[in-house]
Amino acid sequence: MSDTTAPISRRQFCGACMASCATLATMVTACGDGSPTGPSGSADLNVISAQLANARVQVNTAGTPLANVGGAARVESNAGLFLVSRTSDTTFTVIDGVCTHEGCTISGATATEYVCPCHGSRYSRTGQVQQGPAKANLRQYANTFADGVVSIAV
């Protein structure tokens, strides 16, 4: 048995390399910005730490995006992750911060939506699915606001 291989030309070799690179580039960008499954047009939410007291998560709004109407932030506490948006001078919307698709932490937002970084699910600021793959809405939480502090009932 002979162990010979036919030599390939430089042109054949370069053509094969370019095809391999094009395939690799397509695979790498499949979950990045601009793909149907990856988040695009969103910015990372500011993260605010909060404390649990008397079955309520206390969020101080001073010096955060929540100090202004239209502002939104991800609130992290030992009671869970929450997405909080300020809808008026005295009202806030609070929803669960974990995607209903596969449990990823939602970390991005546009002016009107929250965006999951894992597979691109989009939710309205009130938690309704705007774009899948998620099918279930995010849970809403009752809250009150007084003296610059949002209190989330958990």
N, C-alpha and C. Protein backbone atom coordinates (compact mmCIF):
# COMPACT_ATOMS: atom_id res chain seq x y z
N MET A 1 0.84 -1.16 0.00
CA MET A 1 0.00 0.00 0.00
C MET A 1 0.89 1.23 0.00
N SER A 2 0.57 2.15 -0.85
CA SER A 2 1.39 3.35 -0.95
C SER A 2 0.75 4.47 -0.15
N ASP A 3 1.57 5.29 0.45
CA ASP A 3 1.10 6.37 1.32
C ASP A 3 1.40 7.72 0.69
N THR A 4 1.00 7.90 -0.55
CA THR A 4 1.28 9.16 -1.24
C THR A 4 0.04 10.02 -1.28
N THR A 5 0.27 11.30 -1.25
CA THR A 5 -0.83 12.25 -1.37
C THR A 5 -0.52 13.18 -2.53
N ALA A 6 -1.55 13.55 -3.21
CA ALA A 6 -1.36 14.45 -4.34
C ALA A 6 -1.19 15.87 -3.82
N PRO A 7 -0.21 16.56 -4.28
CA PRO A 7 -0.02 17.93 -3.83
C PRO A 7 -1.16 18.81 -4.35
N ILE A 8 -1.50 19.83 -3.53
CA ILE A 8 -2.52 20.77 -3.99
C ILE A 8 -1.84 22.09 -4.31
N SER A 9 -2.48 22.81 -5.17
CA SER A 9 -1.88 24.09 -5.55
C SER A 9 -2.10 25.13 -4.46
N ARG A 10 -1.33 26.16 -4.53
CA ARG A 10 -1.46 27.27 -3.58
C ARG A 10 -2.86 27.88 -3.68
N ARG A 11 -3.39 28.00 -4.87
CA ARG A 11 -4.72 28.57 -5.09
C ARG A 11 -5.79 27.69 -4.44
N GLN A 12 -5.68 26.38 -4.55
CA GLN A 12 -6.64 25.48 -3.91
C GLN A 12 -6.57 25.60 -2.39
N PHE A 13 -5.35 25.66 -1.87
CA PHE A 13 -5.16 25.78 -0.43
C PHE A 13 -5.78 27.07 0.09
N CYS A 14 -5.50 28.21 -0.55
CA CYS A 14 -6.04 29.50 -0.11
C CYS A 14 -7.57 29.53 -0.22
N GLY A 15 -8.11 28.93 -1.24
CA GLY A 15 -9.57 28.87 -1.39
C GLY A 15 -10.21 28.08 -0.26
N ALA A 16 -9.59 26.97 0.11
CA ALA A 16 -10.11 26.16 1.22
C ALA A 16 -10.03 26.93 2.53
N CYS A 17 -8.94 27.67 2.75
CA CYS A 17 -8.80 28.47 3.98
C CYS A 17 -9.87 29.55 4.05
N MET A 18 -10.12 30.24 2.94
CA MET A 18 -11.13 31.31 2.94
C MET A 18 -12.51 30.75 3.23
N ALA A 19 -12.84 29.60 2.69
CA ALA A 19 -14.14 28.98 2.95
C ALA A 19 -14.27 28.60 4.42
N SER A 20 -13.18 28.06 4.99
CA SER A 20 -13.21 27.68 6.41
C SER A 20 -13.38 28.91 7.29
N CYS A 21 -12.69 29.99 6.97
CA CYS A 21 -12.79 31.23 7.77
C CYS A 21 -14.20 31.82 7.68
N ALA A 22 -14.81 31.78 6.52
CA ALA A 22 -16.17 32.30 6.37
C ALA A 22 -17.15 31.49 7.21
N THR A 23 -16.98 30.18 7.22
CA THR A 23 -17.84 29.32 8.03
C THR A 23 -17.65 29.62 9.51
N LEU A 24 -16.41 29.76 9.94
CA LEU A 24 -16.11 30.05 11.34
C LEU A 24 -16.69 31.41 11.75
N ALA A 25 -16.57 32.41 10.91
CA ALA A 25 -17.11 33.74 11.21
C ALA A 25 -18.62 33.69 11.38
N THR A 26 -19.29 32.92 10.57
CA THR A 26 -20.74 32.78 10.69
C THR A 26 -21.11 32.12 12.01
N MET A 27 -20.36 31.10 12.40
CA MET A 27 -20.65 30.42 13.65
C MET A 27 -20.40 31.32 14.85
N VAL A 28 -19.35 32.10 14.84
CA VAL A 28 -19.00 32.96 15.97
C VAL A 28 -20.02 34.06 16.16
N THR A 29 -20.56 34.62 15.08
CA THR A 29 -21.50 35.73 15.20
C THR A 29 -22.93 35.27 15.39
N ALA A 30 -23.20 34.00 15.39
CA ALA A 30 -24.58 33.51 15.47
C ALA A 30 -25.29 33.92 16.75
N CYS A 31 -24.60 34.15 17.85
CA CYS A 31 -25.24 34.56 19.09
C CYS A 31 -24.88 35.97 19.50
N GLY A 32 -24.31 36.74 18.61
CA GLY A 32 -23.92 38.10 18.95
C GLY A 32 -24.93 39.12 18.48
N ASP A 33 -24.60 40.38 18.63
CA ASP A 33 -25.48 41.45 18.20
C ASP A 33 -25.83 41.30 16.73
N GLY A 34 -27.07 41.60 16.40
CA GLY A 34 -27.51 41.57 15.03
C GLY A 34 -28.07 40.22 14.60
N SER A 35 -27.88 39.17 15.35
CA SER A 35 -28.44 37.89 14.95
C SER A 35 -29.88 37.80 15.45
N PRO A 36 -30.69 36.94 14.86
CA PRO A 36 -32.07 36.82 15.31
C PRO A 36 -32.18 36.31 16.74
N THR A 37 -31.15 35.62 17.24
CA THR A 37 -31.25 35.06 18.58
C THR A 37 -30.49 35.84 19.64
N GLY A 38 -29.66 36.77 19.26
CA GLY A 38 -28.88 37.53 20.22
C GLY A 38 -29.45 38.93 20.40
N PRO A 39 -29.18 39.56 21.55
CA PRO A 39 -29.71 40.90 21.80
C PRO A 39 -29.00 41.94 20.93
N SER A 40 -29.77 42.87 20.42
CA SER A 40 -29.17 43.97 19.69
C SER A 40 -29.89 45.25 20.06
N GLY A 41 -29.19 46.34 19.98
CA GLY A 41 -29.78 47.63 20.26
C GLY A 41 -30.09 47.86 21.73
N SER A 42 -29.49 47.09 22.61
CA SER A 42 -29.76 47.27 24.03
C SER A 42 -28.48 47.65 24.76
N ALA A 43 -28.67 48.29 25.90
CA ALA A 43 -27.55 48.67 26.76
C ALA A 43 -27.67 47.92 28.08
N ASP A 44 -26.55 47.70 28.73
CA ASP A 44 -26.58 47.02 30.02
C ASP A 44 -27.28 47.90 31.06
N LEU A 45 -28.12 47.26 31.86
CA LEU A 45 -28.80 47.96 32.96
C LEU A 45 -27.82 48.23 34.09
N ASN A 46 -27.99 49.36 34.76
CA ASN A 46 -27.26 49.61 35.99
C ASN A 46 -27.76 48.62 37.04
N VAL A 47 -26.85 48.19 37.91
CA VAL A 47 -27.20 47.24 38.96
C VAL A 47 -27.20 47.97 40.30
N ILE A 48 -28.30 47.79 41.04
CA ILE A 48 -28.44 48.40 42.36
C ILE A 48 -28.58 47.28 43.38
N SER A 49 -27.84 47.36 44.46
CA SER A 49 -27.99 46.41 45.56
C SER A 49 -29.09 46.90 46.48
N ALA A 50 -29.87 45.98 47.02
CA ALA A 50 -30.97 46.34 47.91
C ALA A 50 -30.99 45.39 49.10
N GLN A 51 -31.70 45.82 50.12
CA GLN A 51 -31.78 45.04 51.36
C GLN A 51 -33.20 44.54 51.61
N LEU A 52 -33.31 43.35 52.16
CA LEU A 52 -34.59 42.78 52.55
C LEU A 52 -34.86 43.15 54.01
N ALA A 53 -36.04 43.73 54.24
CA ALA A 53 -36.45 44.08 55.61
C ALA A 53 -37.96 43.94 55.71
N ASN A 54 -38.43 43.15 56.67
CA ASN A 54 -39.87 42.96 56.90
C ASN A 54 -40.61 42.51 55.64
N ALA A 55 -40.10 41.50 54.97
CA ALA A 55 -40.70 40.91 53.77
C ALA A 55 -40.83 41.91 52.62
N ARG A 56 -39.97 42.92 52.61
CA ARG A 56 -39.95 43.91 51.53
C ARG A 56 -38.50 44.22 51.16
N VAL A 57 -38.25 44.31 49.87
CA VAL A 57 -36.93 44.72 49.40
C VAL A 57 -36.94 46.23 49.31
N GLN A 58 -35.98 46.87 49.96
CA GLN A 58 -35.89 48.33 50.03
C GLN A 58 -34.84 48.83 49.03
N VAL A 59 -35.28 49.69 48.08
CA VAL A 59 -34.39 50.21 47.05
C VAL A 59 -34.32 51.73 47.17
N ASN A 60 -33.15 52.24 47.49
CA ASN A 60 -32.94 53.68 47.56
C ASN A 60 -32.71 54.20 46.14
N THR A 61 -33.52 55.18 45.71
CA THR A 61 -33.43 55.66 44.33
C THR A 61 -32.43 56.79 44.13
N ALA A 62 -31.99 57.43 45.19
CA ALA A 62 -31.09 58.57 45.07
C ALA A 62 -29.79 58.18 44.36
N GLY A 63 -29.41 58.97 43.37
CA GLY A 63 -28.16 58.73 42.66
C GLY A 63 -28.18 57.54 41.72
N THR A 64 -29.36 57.03 41.40
CA THR A 64 -29.50 55.88 40.49
C THR A 64 -30.36 56.30 39.31
N PRO A 65 -30.44 55.46 38.27
CA PRO A 65 -31.34 55.76 37.15
C PRO A 65 -32.80 55.86 37.60
N LEU A 66 -33.14 55.27 38.74
CA LEU A 66 -34.51 55.29 39.24
C LEU A 66 -34.89 56.65 39.83
N ALA A 67 -33.95 57.56 39.92
CA ALA A 67 -34.24 58.90 40.43
C ALA A 67 -35.04 59.71 39.41
N ASN A 68 -35.05 59.27 38.14
CA ASN A 68 -35.74 60.01 37.08
C ASN A 68 -36.82 59.17 36.41
N VAL A 69 -37.92 59.81 36.04
CA VAL A 69 -38.99 59.14 35.31
C VAL A 69 -38.41 58.57 34.02
N GLY A 70 -38.73 57.31 33.73
CA GLY A 70 -38.21 56.61 32.57
C GLY A 70 -36.97 55.79 32.86
N GLY A 71 -36.37 56.01 34.02
CA GLY A 71 -35.17 55.26 34.38
C GLY A 71 -35.49 53.82 34.74
N ALA A 72 -34.51 52.95 34.53
CA ALA A 72 -34.68 51.52 34.84
C ALA A 72 -33.37 50.98 35.38
N ALA A 73 -33.46 49.93 36.20
CA ALA A 73 -32.27 49.30 36.76
C ALA A 73 -32.59 47.86 37.14
N ARG A 74 -31.52 47.06 37.25
CA ARG A 74 -31.65 45.70 37.78
C ARG A 74 -31.32 45.79 39.26
N VAL A 75 -32.22 45.29 40.08
CA VAL A 75 -32.04 45.34 41.53
C VAL A 75 -31.71 43.93 42.01
N GLU A 76 -30.58 43.82 42.72
CA GLU A 76 -30.15 42.53 43.25
C GLU A 76 -30.28 42.56 44.76
N SER A 77 -30.89 41.51 45.29
CA SER A 77 -31.03 41.40 46.75
C SER A 77 -30.98 39.92 47.12
N ASN A 78 -30.93 39.64 48.41
CA ASN A 78 -30.94 38.25 48.84
C ASN A 78 -32.33 37.63 48.68
N ALA A 79 -33.32 38.45 48.29
CA ALA A 79 -34.67 37.94 48.02
C ALA A 79 -34.90 37.68 46.54
N GLY A 80 -33.95 38.05 45.69
CA GLY A 80 -34.08 37.80 44.27
C GLY A 80 -33.59 38.95 43.41
N LEU A 81 -33.80 38.79 42.09
CA LEU A 81 -33.44 39.79 41.09
C LEU A 81 -34.71 40.44 40.57
N PHE A 82 -34.69 41.76 40.46
CA PHE A 82 -35.87 42.49 40.01
C PHE A 82 -35.47 43.52 38.95
N LEU A 83 -36.39 43.77 38.02
CA LEU A 83 -36.23 44.85 37.05
C LEU A 83 -37.19 45.93 37.48
N VAL A 84 -36.67 47.12 37.73
CA VAL A 84 -37.48 48.21 38.25
C VAL A 84 -37.41 49.37 37.27
N SER A 85 -38.57 49.93 36.92
CA SER A 85 -38.60 51.12 36.07
C SER A 85 -39.52 52.16 36.71
N ARG A 86 -39.10 53.41 36.58
CA ARG A 86 -39.88 54.51 37.14
C ARG A 86 -40.83 55.01 36.06
N THR A 87 -42.15 54.94 36.34
CA THR A 87 -43.15 55.31 35.35
C THR A 87 -43.73 56.70 35.56
N SER A 88 -43.58 57.27 36.75
CA SER A 88 -44.01 58.64 37.04
C SER A 88 -43.24 59.12 38.26
N ASP A 89 -43.59 60.31 38.74
CA ASP A 89 -42.89 60.84 39.92
C ASP A 89 -43.05 59.95 41.14
N THR A 90 -44.17 59.21 41.21
CA THR A 90 -44.44 58.42 42.41
C THR A 90 -44.72 56.95 42.16
N THR A 91 -44.63 56.48 40.91
CA THR A 91 -44.95 55.08 40.62
C THR A 91 -43.81 54.36 39.91
N PHE A 92 -43.73 53.07 40.20
CA PHE A 92 -42.69 52.20 39.63
C PHE A 92 -43.34 50.90 39.18
N THR A 93 -42.73 50.27 38.20
CA THR A 93 -43.10 48.92 37.81
C THR A 93 -41.96 48.01 38.23
N VAL A 94 -42.30 46.90 38.89
CA VAL A 94 -41.30 45.95 39.35
C VAL A 94 -41.67 44.57 38.82
N ILE A 95 -40.73 43.94 38.13
CA ILE A 95 -40.96 42.60 37.59
C ILE A 95 -39.75 41.71 37.90
N ASP A 96 -39.96 40.41 37.73
CA ASP A 96 -38.89 39.43 37.97
C ASP A 96 -37.75 39.69 36.99
N GLY A 97 -36.50 39.52 37.44
CA GLY A 97 -35.33 39.77 36.61
C GLY A 97 -34.73 38.54 35.99
N VAL A 98 -35.46 37.43 35.98
CA VAL A 98 -34.96 36.18 35.42
C VAL A 98 -35.83 35.77 34.24
N CYS A 99 -35.22 35.55 33.09
CA CYS A 99 -35.94 35.20 31.86
C CYS A 99 -36.72 33.90 32.05
N THR A 100 -37.94 33.89 31.54
CA THR A 100 -38.79 32.70 31.65
C THR A 100 -38.41 31.63 30.63
N HIS A 101 -37.52 31.93 29.71
CA HIS A 101 -37.13 30.94 28.70
C HIS A 101 -36.20 29.88 29.29
N GLU A 102 -35.03 30.31 29.78
CA GLU A 102 -34.08 29.34 30.33
C GLU A 102 -33.41 29.84 31.61
N GLY A 103 -34.00 30.83 32.25
CA GLY A 103 -33.51 31.25 33.55
C GLY A 103 -32.30 32.16 33.57
N CYS A 104 -31.98 32.79 32.46
CA CYS A 104 -30.86 33.73 32.43
C CYS A 104 -31.24 35.04 33.13
N THR A 105 -30.26 35.70 33.71
CA THR A 105 -30.48 37.01 34.31
C THR A 105 -30.62 38.04 33.20
N ILE A 106 -31.71 38.78 33.21
CA ILE A 106 -31.93 39.81 32.20
C ILE A 106 -31.05 40.99 32.56
N SER A 107 -30.24 41.42 31.61
CA SER A 107 -29.25 42.46 31.92
C SER A 107 -29.28 43.65 30.97
N GLY A 108 -30.09 43.60 29.93
CA GLY A 108 -30.12 44.68 28.95
C GLY A 108 -31.46 45.36 28.87
N ALA A 109 -31.46 46.57 28.30
CA ALA A 109 -32.70 47.31 28.13
C ALA A 109 -32.58 48.29 26.97
N THR A 110 -33.73 48.57 26.37
CA THR A 110 -33.87 49.67 25.43
C THR A 110 -34.75 50.69 26.13
N ALA A 111 -35.19 51.69 25.43
CA ALA A 111 -36.06 52.71 26.04
C ALA A 111 -37.41 52.13 26.47
N THR A 112 -37.83 51.01 25.87
CA THR A 112 -39.16 50.47 26.16
C THR A 112 -39.18 49.00 26.54
N GLU A 113 -38.05 48.30 26.43
CA GLU A 113 -38.03 46.86 26.66
C GLU A 113 -36.82 46.42 27.49
N TYR A 114 -36.99 45.25 28.12
CA TYR A 114 -35.88 44.56 28.76
C TYR A 114 -35.45 43.45 27.81
N VAL A 115 -34.14 43.16 27.77
CA VAL A 115 -33.60 42.21 26.80
C VAL A 115 -32.76 41.15 27.52
N CYS A 116 -33.07 39.89 27.26
CA CYS A 116 -32.29 38.78 27.82
C CYS A 116 -31.04 38.57 26.96
N PRO A 117 -29.85 38.50 27.58
CA PRO A 117 -28.63 38.36 26.80
C PRO A 117 -28.40 36.96 26.24
N CYS A 118 -29.09 35.97 26.75
CA CYS A 118 -28.81 34.59 26.32
C CYS A 118 -29.39 34.25 24.96
N HIS A 119 -30.66 34.53 24.74
CA HIS A 119 -31.29 34.14 23.49
C HIS A 119 -32.13 35.24 22.87
N GLY A 120 -32.05 36.46 23.43
CA GLY A 120 -32.69 37.61 22.81
C GLY A 120 -34.15 37.83 23.11
N SER A 121 -34.71 37.12 24.09
CA SER A 121 -36.11 37.39 24.44
C SER A 121 -36.24 38.84 24.88
N ARG A 122 -37.37 39.45 24.53
CA ARG A 122 -37.63 40.84 24.88
C ARG A 122 -38.96 40.93 25.62
N TYR A 123 -38.97 41.75 26.66
CA TYR A 123 -40.15 41.94 27.50
C TYR A 123 -40.46 43.43 27.58
N SER A 124 -41.75 43.77 27.66
CA SER A 124 -42.13 45.16 27.89
C SER A 124 -41.70 45.55 29.30
N ARG A 125 -41.78 46.82 29.61
CA ARG A 125 -41.41 47.27 30.95
C ARG A 125 -42.38 46.75 32.00
N THR A 126 -43.53 46.21 31.59
CA THR A 126 -44.46 45.62 32.54
C THR A 126 -44.37 44.09 32.56
N GLY A 127 -43.42 43.52 31.78
CA GLY A 127 -43.15 42.09 31.85
C GLY A 127 -43.79 41.22 30.79
N GLN A 128 -44.52 41.79 29.84
CA GLN A 128 -45.13 40.98 28.79
C GLN A 128 -44.09 40.63 27.72
N VAL A 129 -44.12 39.38 27.26
CA VAL A 129 -43.21 38.94 26.20
C VAL A 129 -43.53 39.73 24.94
N GLN A 130 -42.50 40.36 24.38
CA GLN A 130 -42.62 41.09 23.12
C GLN A 130 -42.02 40.30 21.97
N GLN A 131 -41.01 39.48 22.30
CA GLN A 131 -40.33 38.65 21.30
C GLN A 131 -39.75 37.45 22.00
N GLY A 132 -39.94 36.27 21.43
CA GLY A 132 -39.43 35.03 22.01
C GLY A 132 -37.96 34.85 21.77
N PRO A 133 -37.45 33.73 22.27
CA PRO A 133 -38.14 32.47 22.45
C PRO A 133 -38.98 32.34 23.73
N ALA A 134 -38.85 33.25 24.69
CA ALA A 134 -39.68 33.15 25.90
C ALA A 134 -41.15 33.19 25.52
N LYS A 135 -41.96 32.40 26.24
CA LYS A 135 -43.40 32.36 25.99
C LYS A 135 -44.19 32.89 27.17
N ALA A 136 -43.62 32.82 28.37
CA ALA A 136 -44.33 33.26 29.58
C ALA A 136 -43.87 34.66 29.99
N ASN A 137 -44.82 35.46 30.45
CA ASN A 137 -44.52 36.80 30.93
C ASN A 137 -43.75 36.73 32.24
N LEU A 138 -43.10 37.84 32.58
CA LEU A 138 -42.39 37.95 33.85
C LEU A 138 -43.37 38.33 34.95
N ARG A 139 -43.14 37.82 36.15
CA ARG A 139 -44.01 38.10 37.30
C ARG A 139 -43.88 39.57 37.72
N GLN A 140 -45.01 40.19 38.03
CA GLN A 140 -45.01 41.56 38.54
C GLN A 140 -45.10 41.54 40.06
N TYR A 141 -44.50 42.55 40.70
CA TYR A 141 -44.50 42.67 42.15
C TYR A 141 -45.15 43.99 42.57
N ALA A 142 -45.95 43.91 43.62
CA ALA A 142 -46.54 45.12 44.21
C ALA A 142 -45.42 45.92 44.86
N ASN A 143 -45.55 47.24 44.81
CA ASN A 143 -44.53 48.09 45.41
C ASN A 143 -45.13 49.41 45.86
N THR A 144 -44.42 50.07 46.75
CA THR A 144 -44.81 51.40 47.21
C THR A 144 -43.58 52.29 47.15
N PHE A 145 -43.80 53.60 47.21
CA PHE A 145 -42.70 54.56 47.14
C PHE A 145 -42.91 55.66 48.16
N ALA A 146 -41.91 55.89 48.99
CA ALA A 146 -41.97 56.97 49.98
C ALA A 146 -40.55 57.37 50.36
N ASP A 147 -40.32 58.65 50.51
CA ASP A 147 -39.03 59.17 50.98
C ASP A 147 -37.84 58.67 50.15
N GLY A 148 -38.03 58.55 48.83
CA GLY A 148 -36.94 58.13 47.95
C GLY A 148 -36.61 56.66 47.98
N VAL A 149 -37.51 55.86 48.58
CA VAL A 149 -37.27 54.42 48.66
C VAL A 149 -38.43 53.65 48.06
N VAL A 150 -38.12 52.75 47.12
CA VAL A 150 -39.12 51.82 46.58
C VAL A 150 -39.10 50.59 47.46
N SER A 151 -40.28 50.16 47.93
CA SER A 151 -40.40 48.95 48.75
C SER A 151 -41.15 47.91 47.91
N ILE A 152 -40.49 46.80 47.68
CA ILE A 152 -41.05 45.72 46.85
C ILE A 152 -41.54 44.61 47.77
N ALA A 153 -42.82 44.27 47.63
CA ALA A 153 -43.38 43.18 48.43
C ALA A 153 -42.95 41.84 47.84
N VAL A 154 -42.30 41.03 48.70
CA VAL A 154 -41.84 39.71 48.22
C VAL A 154 -42.51 38.59 48.98
